[in-house]
Amino acid sequence: QVQLVESGGGLVQAGGSLRLSCAASGRTFSIDAMGWFRQAPGKEREFVATIKRSGGSTYYADSVKGRFTISRDNAKNTVYLQMNSLKPEDTAVYFCAADTTYYSDISNYRDQYGMDYWGKGTLVTVSS
């Protein structure tokens, strides 16, 4: 089992920045990739970004590309999401997820139904 705990959410003005953290514990050696997803009020959960545990390859949703950066610190079993130039439409609950399946094509990790473990989420609110 893997446990994931997110932190760093909050209220920020449009144009501002936030950094989310996701700390993993338990059988972290089994993780192949970790990702961030988000769910806005009244909408379905959507993919934001993912990073491979080995090698550090990254992949982003078009809506956040150039504004968000995902990174990892394997020694701390922590993944980060640096969010810059935030927009009101970025308002959502942000979830961290982990996948224990290996894919050579990192884009496969954008499928939320393939993720094995989830955190409880952290709320990000961007005011206009």
Foldseek 3Di string as FASTA:
>chain_A
DKAKAKDWADEEAAQAKTKMKIFIDDPLVLFQKKFKWWDDPPGDIFGAKMFGPPPTDIDGDPVQPPFWDWGDDVVRNMIMIIGGRDDQVVWTWMKMFTARDDDPDVVVVRDPVRTDDIYPTDTHGYHD
